[in-house]
Amino acid sequence: MILIRFFHIDGGRIGHFAGNPEVYLCEIDEGINRPAQWYVDLFYLIDKKNSNKQLLKMWQRVLHIWPKWILFPIQIINSKIPGGKLHVIGYNSNHDRDIQNLFDKHPKHIFFNETEKKRGMTYLKKMGLKKSDKIVCLQVRDSAFLSSKYPEKDWKYHNFRDSNIDDYILAAEELVKKGYIVIRMGAKVNKSISTNNPKIIDYATNGMRSDFMDVYLAWACEFILTTGSGWDSISMNNFRKPIVMTNFAPLGVLGTYHNNMICVLKKYYSLLEKRILNHSEIYENDIFFSLRQRNFDDKNISVINNTSKEIKDACNEMVERLNNSWSFLEDDEKLQNQFWYLYQSKKKLNGWTFHGKIKARIGTLFLRDNPEFLN
């Protein structure tokens, strides 16, 4: 007998479309949620608006993805049959979060074939790049994408997560000086990046953006500079690329399982006390996991973006670490340990575990310059 199991994939939001299947496959490799008997797992997409056709093609190489009109009725019938749970794959340990720390243990599961690699290089040449060029992908979250794709929904509750592309020009210019080509990502953005530097390419607005290149660039880059968005998951989770995470909030959902992440955080400013809250006060105000703008408004807390210098410093640290030339002070590890000691006391929310072994790093200069995060 072969056990048939089935479940859905959220194909409408690219972060989950990239991350959830990757975590599922890593957990299967680890023996988590893997039946002892012979089995076949079947999946279907729950959203008609598929977020990326290239990603779907790549998942179809390693997963059995069937039409929804076949599997969804079977799932409904199965749910009414005693013992039907045996045929449901179910969710991962925590959706797209690698709380088992399996990304460093198991290989990547999606890949480009040789034809696709040649196609990607052809597009890079059209952008003016050479095969030897080192790419950094820049992704700065704003309100444009969700507002355009789902106009029927009010997305203002996400406002505190948005950032300003202008704050990234200094870091982009610095990366160019260090020999990188910076490619600004985005399917929809509020405005273009204001620079005339030919090595900073606004792929989000220059008319060359495609589903294929969104995935190819995530694979081809040296690292990503981001603020936390769905596209990041392709580069971070599927291809295990280094990450400079900036302007990140809320603090509690940081992807701490990534072992090559440098993060600098948004600051929480109390409008009543006229000061930035320290690490412990973020917990005390119950905003560690807050994903709604109103949570901050109700507590008279304003979310402050990183400065251009903080962003640049984090990029410089990543470049030097990748080149094995980073130098640090004796107290820097103590600062890291102090930060994460406080952080680890809040690993769960409503019974969900959000963090396994913590492998990410907070930007070294950011911790030196912001002692409030250590209290």
Protein backbone atom coordinates (compact mmCIF):
# COMPACT_ATOMS: atom_id res chain seq x y z
CA MET A 1 0.00 0.00 0.00
CA ILE A 2 1.17 3.53 -0.80
CA LEU A 3 -0.02 6.36 1.44
CA ILE A 4 -1.37 9.32 -0.55
CA ARG A 5 -1.21 12.68 1.25
CA PHE A 6 -2.18 16.13 0.02
CA PHE A 7 -2.11 19.75 1.07
CA HIS A 8 -2.17 23.27 -0.34
CA ILE A 9 0.61 25.73 -1.18
CA ASP A 10 0.10 29.47 -0.88
CA GLY A 11 1.19 30.55 -4.35
CA GLY A 12 -0.25 34.04 -4.11
CA ARG A 13 2.36 35.49 -1.72
CA ILE A 14 5.89 34.97 -2.99
CA GLY A 15 7.47 34.73 0.47
CA HIS A 16 5.35 31.71 1.36
CA PHE A 17 5.53 30.29 -2.17
CA ALA A 18 9.32 30.28 -1.90
CA GLY A 19 9.77 29.47 1.77
CA ASN A 20 7.08 26.98 2.76
CA PRO A 21 7.95 24.26 0.20
CA GLU A 22 11.68 24.64 0.98
CA VAL A 23 11.08 24.12 4.70
CA TYR A 24 8.79 21.17 3.90
CA LEU A 25 11.50 19.47 1.81
CA CYS A 26 14.20 20.13 4.41
CA GLU A 27 11.97 18.65 7.10
CA ILE A 28 11.28 15.60 4.92
CA ASP A 29 15.06 15.22 4.44
CA GLU A 30 15.39 15.33 8.23
CA GLY A 31 12.64 12.74 8.71
CA ILE A 32 10.16 15.25 10.14
CA ASN A 33 6.54 14.63 9.04
CA ARG A 34 7.80 11.80 6.85
CA PRO A 35 5.74 8.58 6.89
CA ALA A 36 7.53 5.33 7.63
CA GLN A 37 5.73 3.59 4.75
CA TRP A 38 5.88 4.33 1.03
CA TYR A 39 4.04 7.56 0.28
CA VAL A 40 3.31 10.19 -2.33
CA ASP A 41 2.64 13.82 -1.40
CA LEU A 42 0.43 15.87 -3.72
CA PHE A 43 0.03 19.67 -3.61
CA TYR A 44 -2.26 22.26 -5.16
CA LEU A 45 -2.14 26.07 -5.26
CA ILE A 46 -4.85 27.85 -3.30
CA ASP A 47 -4.52 31.26 -4.99
CA LYS A 48 -5.52 31.93 -8.60
CA LYS A 49 -3.01 34.80 -8.74
CA ASN A 50 0.25 32.85 -8.87
CA SER A 51 3.02 35.13 -7.58
CA ASN A 52 5.82 33.85 -9.85
CA LYS A 53 5.59 31.55 -12.89
CA GLN A 54 9.31 30.71 -12.88
CA LEU A 55 9.17 29.63 -9.26
CA LEU A 56 6.17 27.43 -10.04
CA LYS A 57 8.10 25.78 -12.87
CA MET A 58 11.02 25.06 -10.54
CA TRP A 59 8.80 23.63 -7.80
CA GLN A 60 7.12 21.37 -10.34
CA ARG A 61 10.49 19.69 -10.88
CA VAL A 62 10.67 18.49 -7.29
CA LEU A 63 7.05 18.45 -6.07
CA HIS A 64 3.86 16.83 -7.34
CA ILE A 65 1.67 19.89 -7.96
CA TRP A 66 -1.78 19.00 -9.28
CA PRO A 67 -4.73 21.19 -10.32
CA LYS A 68 -6.81 22.56 -7.48
CA TRP A 69 -10.04 21.36 -9.12
CA ILE A 70 -8.87 17.78 -8.64
CA LEU A 71 -7.36 17.85 -5.16
CA PHE A 72 -9.52 20.39 -3.33
CA PRO A 73 -12.75 18.36 -3.61
CA ILE A 74 -10.83 15.27 -2.46
CA GLN A 75 -9.59 17.23 0.56
CA ILE A 76 -13.17 18.27 1.43
CA ILE A 77 -14.43 14.69 1.18
CA ASN A 78 -11.43 13.36 3.09
CA SER A 79 -12.05 15.79 5.97
CA LYS A 80 -15.44 14.13 6.56
CA ILE A 81 -14.10 10.58 6.63
CA PRO A 82 -12.93 9.01 9.93
CA GLY A 83 -9.14 8.67 9.86
CA GLY A 84 -8.83 11.21 7.06
CA LYS A 85 -6.10 13.16 8.88
CA LEU A 86 -3.67 10.42 7.84
CA HIS A 87 -3.91 11.78 4.28
CA VAL A 88 -3.20 15.42 5.15
CA ILE A 89 0.42 16.60 4.94
CA GLY A 90 -0.29 19.59 7.17
CA TYR A 91 1.87 22.61 7.89
CA ASN A 92 5.60 22.68 8.53
CA SER A 93 6.93 23.21 12.05
CA ASN A 94 6.21 26.92 11.49
CA HIS A 95 5.26 27.59 7.87
CA ASP A 96 8.27 29.27 6.17
CA ARG A 97 10.43 29.62 9.30
CA ASP A 98 13.32 27.18 9.67
CA ILE A 99 12.97 26.70 13.42
CA GLN A 100 14.67 23.30 13.15
CA ASN A 101 17.84 24.96 11.72
CA LEU A 102 17.83 22.68 8.68
CA PHE A 103 18.95 25.13 5.98
CA ASP A 104 22.57 24.71 7.01
CA LYS A 105 22.20 20.94 7.21
CA HIS A 106 20.44 20.03 3.96
CA PRO A 107 21.03 21.05 0.31
CA LYS A 108 18.94 23.50 -1.69
CA HIS A 109 16.02 21.95 -3.53
CA ILE A 110 15.33 24.13 -6.57
CA PHE A 111 17.80 24.76 -9.37
CA PHE A 112 18.30 26.36 -12.77
CA ASN A 113 19.03 24.11 -15.71
CA GLU A 114 21.74 25.02 -18.22
CA THR A 115 19.27 26.54 -20.68
CA GLU A 116 17.91 28.83 -17.96
CA LYS A 117 21.41 29.84 -16.86
CA LYS A 118 22.23 30.90 -20.42
CA ARG A 119 18.96 32.79 -20.63
CA GLY A 120 19.76 34.61 -17.40
CA MET A 121 23.20 35.62 -18.65
CA THR A 122 21.64 36.95 -21.84
CA TYR A 123 19.40 39.25 -19.80
CA LEU A 124 22.34 40.38 -17.64
CA LYS A 125 24.25 41.34 -20.80
CA LYS A 126 21.25 43.39 -21.92
CA MET A 127 21.54 45.24 -18.60
CA GLY A 128 25.19 45.92 -19.39
CA LEU A 129 26.67 43.33 -16.99
CA LYS A 130 29.52 40.90 -17.58
CA LYS A 131 29.72 37.33 -16.30
CA SER A 132 32.43 38.36 -13.82
CA ASP A 133 30.40 41.19 -12.27
CA LYS A 134 29.46 40.81 -8.61
CA ILE A 135 25.82 41.64 -7.93
CA VAL A 136 24.09 42.93 -4.81
CA CYS A 137 20.29 42.91 -4.97
CA LEU A 138 18.61 45.80 -3.18
CA GLN A 139 15.01 45.32 -2.05
CA VAL A 140 13.30 48.18 -0.19
CA ARG A 141 9.77 47.55 0.93
CA ASP A 142 7.07 50.15 0.24
CA SER A 143 3.30 50.12 -0.14
CA ALA A 144 3.12 49.91 -3.94
CA PHE A 145 3.10 46.15 -4.55
CA LEU A 146 0.34 45.03 -2.17
CA SER A 147 -1.79 48.07 -2.97
CA SER A 148 -1.63 47.31 -6.70
CA LYS A 149 -2.09 43.54 -6.47
CA TYR A 150 -4.82 43.55 -3.84
CA PRO A 151 -6.48 46.99 -4.22
CA GLU A 152 -9.60 45.82 -2.44
CA LYS A 153 -7.71 45.55 0.86
CA ASP A 154 -6.46 48.35 3.10
CA TRP A 155 -2.74 47.70 3.67
CA LYS A 156 -2.06 50.69 5.92
CA TYR A 157 -1.57 48.33 8.86
CA HIS A 158 1.80 47.46 7.26
CA ASN A 159 3.00 51.09 7.12
CA PHE A 160 5.54 50.71 9.92
CA ARG A 161 7.40 48.11 7.84
CA ASP A 162 7.93 50.41 4.85
CA SER A 163 11.17 52.28 4.15
CA ASN A 164 12.48 55.05 1.89
CA ILE A 165 14.61 54.09 -1.11
CA ASP A 166 16.51 57.40 -0.81
CA ASP A 167 18.06 56.19 2.45
CA TYR A 168 19.83 53.42 0.51
CA ILE A 169 21.67 55.55 -2.04
CA LEU A 170 24.70 56.06 0.23
CA ALA A 171 25.07 52.30 0.77
CA ALA A 172 24.58 51.57 -2.93
CA GLU A 173 27.25 54.10 -3.91
CA GLU A 174 29.61 52.59 -1.33
CA LEU A 175 29.03 49.09 -2.71
CA VAL A 176 29.82 50.30 -6.22
CA LYS A 177 33.14 51.69 -4.93
CA LYS A 178 33.88 48.23 -3.56
CA GLY A 179 33.38 46.63 -6.96
CA TYR A 180 29.72 45.58 -6.93
CA ILE A 181 26.83 46.18 -9.30
CA VAL A 182 23.71 47.10 -7.31
CA ILE A 183 20.37 46.03 -8.79
CA ARG A 184 17.27 47.52 -7.20
CA MET A 185 14.49 44.89 -7.11
CA GLY A 186 10.72 45.23 -7.02
CA ALA A 187 7.65 44.26 -9.04
CA LYS A 188 5.91 47.53 -8.14
CA VAL A 189 7.55 50.50 -6.38
CA ASN A 190 6.44 53.98 -5.38
CA LYS A 191 9.42 55.76 -6.94
CA SER A 192 12.69 55.16 -8.75
CA ILE A 193 16.09 55.41 -7.08
CA SER A 194 17.60 58.88 -7.55
CA THR A 195 21.12 58.26 -8.83
CA ASN A 196 22.94 58.61 -12.13
CA ASN A 197 25.50 55.96 -11.27
CA PRO A 198 25.45 53.46 -14.18
CA LYS A 199 26.38 50.62 -11.81
CA ILE A 200 23.20 51.13 -9.79
CA ILE A 201 20.47 49.62 -11.95
CA ASP A 202 16.81 50.33 -11.17
CA TYR A 203 15.51 47.00 -12.45
CA ALA A 204 12.18 47.70 -10.71
CA THR A 205 11.43 50.62 -13.05
CA ASN A 206 13.56 50.14 -16.20
CA GLY A 207 11.09 47.82 -17.96
CA MET A 208 13.30 44.69 -17.75
CA ARG A 209 11.60 43.09 -14.75
CA SER A 210 10.17 39.57 -15.21
CA ASP A 211 9.23 36.57 -13.09
CA PHE A 212 12.22 34.69 -14.48
CA MET A 213 14.75 37.41 -13.66
CA ASP A 214 13.30 37.93 -10.17
CA VAL A 215 14.34 34.37 -9.37
CA TYR A 216 17.54 34.38 -11.43
CA LEU A 217 18.90 37.51 -9.74
CA ALA A 218 18.12 36.02 -6.33
CA TRP A 219 20.33 33.10 -7.37
CA ALA A 220 23.07 35.08 -9.13
CA CYS A 221 23.75 37.76 -6.50
CA GLU A 222 26.56 37.77 -3.94
CA PHE A 223 24.21 38.94 -1.20
CA ILE A 224 21.02 40.90 -0.73
CA LEU A 225 20.43 44.24 0.97
CA THR A 226 16.82 44.28 2.08
CA THR A 227 14.20 45.54 4.49
CA GLY A 228 12.25 42.29 4.79
CA SER A 229 9.84 41.35 1.99
CA GLY A 230 8.45 38.25 0.32
CA TRP A 231 11.05 38.22 -2.48
CA ASP A 232 13.83 37.88 0.11
CA SER A 233 12.70 34.33 0.77
CA ILE A 234 13.89 33.17 -2.66
CA SER A 235 17.41 34.41 -2.07
CA MET A 236 17.61 33.58 1.65
CA ASN A 237 15.68 30.31 1.88
CA ASN A 238 15.91 28.74 -1.58
CA PHE A 239 19.48 29.77 -2.45
CA ARG A 240 20.97 30.40 1.06
CA LYS A 241 22.46 33.78 0.11
CA PRO A 242 23.97 36.16 2.71
CA ILE A 243 21.64 38.92 3.86
CA VAL A 244 22.01 42.46 5.11
CA MET A 245 18.65 43.04 6.80
CA THR A 246 17.91 46.71 7.49
CA ASN A 247 15.00 48.74 8.87
CA PHE A 248 13.61 45.54 10.30
CA ALA A 249 10.46 45.40 12.41
CA PRO A 250 8.87 43.78 14.30
CA LEU A 251 11.80 42.50 16.24
CA GLY A 252 10.22 39.15 17.14
CA VAL A 253 9.91 37.77 13.60
CA LEU A 254 13.51 38.30 12.53
CA GLY A 255 14.84 35.29 10.57
CA THR A 256 17.38 34.35 13.24
CA TYR A 257 17.99 30.90 11.71
CA HIS A 258 20.06 32.40 8.85
CA ASN A 259 23.75 31.98 9.69
CA ASN A 260 24.95 34.67 7.27
CA MET A 261 22.68 37.55 8.21
CA ILE A 262 23.67 40.97 9.52
CA CYS A 263 20.71 42.93 10.80
CA VAL A 264 20.11 46.53 11.86
CA LEU A 265 16.76 47.31 13.40
CA LYS A 266 14.17 50.02 13.41
CA LYS A 267 13.98 51.90 16.70
CA TYR A 268 10.84 52.33 18.80
CA TYR A 269 10.37 55.89 20.05
CA SER A 270 7.99 56.69 22.91
CA LEU A 271 6.06 59.86 22.02
CA LEU A 272 5.05 60.26 25.67
CA GLU A 273 8.52 59.89 27.18
CA LYS A 274 10.36 61.50 24.26
CA ARG A 275 13.00 58.77 24.04
CA ILE A 276 13.88 55.51 22.33
CA LEU A 277 12.70 52.39 24.14
CA ASN A 278 15.30 49.90 25.28
CA HIS A 279 15.22 46.20 24.49
CA SER A 280 13.37 45.19 27.67
CA GLU A 281 10.77 47.93 27.23
CA ILE A 282 9.90 46.56 23.80
CA TYR A 283 8.87 43.34 25.56
CA GLU A 284 7.08 45.18 28.36
CA ASN A 285 5.00 47.18 25.86
CA ASP A 286 3.94 43.93 24.15
CA ILE A 287 5.16 45.05 20.71
CA PHE A 288 7.90 42.46 20.20
CA PHE A 289 5.73 40.52 17.72
CA SER A 290 3.42 43.38 16.66
CA LEU A 291 2.45 43.21 12.98
CA ARG A 292 -0.13 46.00 12.96
CA GLN A 293 0.44 49.75 12.80
CA ARG A 294 -2.38 50.28 15.29
CA ASN A 295 -0.44 48.36 17.98
CA PHE A 296 2.15 51.13 17.91
CA ASP A 297 -0.38 53.94 17.56
CA ASP A 298 -2.35 52.72 20.59
CA LYS A 299 0.79 52.85 22.71
CA ASN A 300 1.99 56.22 21.33
CA ILE A 301 5.09 54.64 19.85
CA SER A 302 6.69 55.85 16.62
CA VAL A 303 8.88 53.53 14.54
CA ILE A 304 12.13 55.21 13.42
CA ASN A 305 14.00 54.14 10.29
CA ASN A 306 17.72 53.43 10.11
CA THR A 307 19.99 56.24 9.02
CA SER A 308 21.83 56.03 5.72
CA LYS A 309 25.06 55.59 7.71
CA GLU A 310 23.67 52.64 9.68
CA ILE A 311 22.70 50.95 6.42
CA LYS A 312 26.10 51.66 4.85
CA ASP A 313 27.95 50.37 7.95
CA ALA A 314 26.04 47.08 7.84
CA CYS A 315 26.91 46.64 4.14
CA ASN A 316 30.57 47.34 4.79
CA GLU A 317 30.58 44.74 7.55
CA MET A 318 29.05 42.13 5.25
CA VAL A 319 31.57 42.84 2.47
CA GLU A 320 34.51 42.60 4.85
CA ARG A 321 33.19 39.42 6.46
CA LEU A 322 32.77 37.81 3.03
CA ASN A 323 36.34 38.87 2.20
CA ASN A 324 37.62 37.59 5.58
CA SER A 325 38.94 41.07 6.37
CA TRP A 326 36.51 42.13 9.12
CA SER A 327 38.18 43.31 12.30
CA PHE A 328 36.33 43.74 15.59
CA LEU A 329 36.90 44.87 19.14
CA GLU A 330 37.16 42.50 22.07
CA ASP A 331 33.84 43.70 23.49
CA ASP A 332 31.86 43.20 20.29
CA GLU A 333 31.03 39.54 21.01
CA LYS A 334 29.91 40.54 24.49
CA LEU A 335 27.49 43.01 22.93
CA GLN A 336 26.12 40.30 20.61
CA ASN A 337 25.68 37.87 23.48
CA GLN A 338 24.00 40.50 25.62
CA PHE A 339 21.51 41.33 22.87
CA TRP A 340 20.63 37.72 22.09
CA TYR A 341 20.39 36.76 25.77
CA LEU A 342 17.48 39.18 26.10
CA TYR A 343 16.03 38.16 22.74
CA GLN A 344 15.91 34.43 23.44
CA SER A 345 13.54 34.91 26.36
CA LYS A 346 10.77 35.53 23.80
CA LYS A 347 10.89 32.61 21.37
CA LYS A 348 7.17 31.82 21.27
CA LEU A 349 3.93 33.59 20.44
CA ASN A 350 0.55 32.00 21.17
CA GLY A 351 2.17 28.57 21.32
CA TRP A 352 4.07 29.00 18.03
CA THR A 353 7.85 28.67 18.20
CA PHE A 354 9.47 31.43 16.13
CA HIS A 355 13.15 30.72 16.73
CA GLY A 356 15.41 27.69 16.91
CA LYS A 357 19.13 28.12 17.42
CA ILE A 358 19.95 31.77 16.79
CA LYS A 359 22.59 32.22 14.08
CA ALA A 360 22.04 35.77 12.81
CA ARG A 361 24.12 38.76 13.92
CA ILE A 362 23.16 42.32 14.76
CA GLY A 363 25.37 44.87 12.99
CA THR A 364 28.51 45.42 15.05
CA LEU A 365 28.59 49.22 14.70
CA PHE A 366 24.84 49.38 15.25
CA LEU A 367 25.19 47.74 18.67
CA ARG A 368 28.11 49.97 19.59
CA ASP A 369 26.12 53.09 18.68
CA ASN A 370 22.73 52.02 20.12
CA PRO A 371 23.23 50.84 23.72
CA GLU A 372 19.46 51.04 24.37
CA PHE A 373 19.09 47.68 22.64
CA LEU A 374 21.21 46.08 25.36
CA ASN A 375 19.08 46.94 28.40
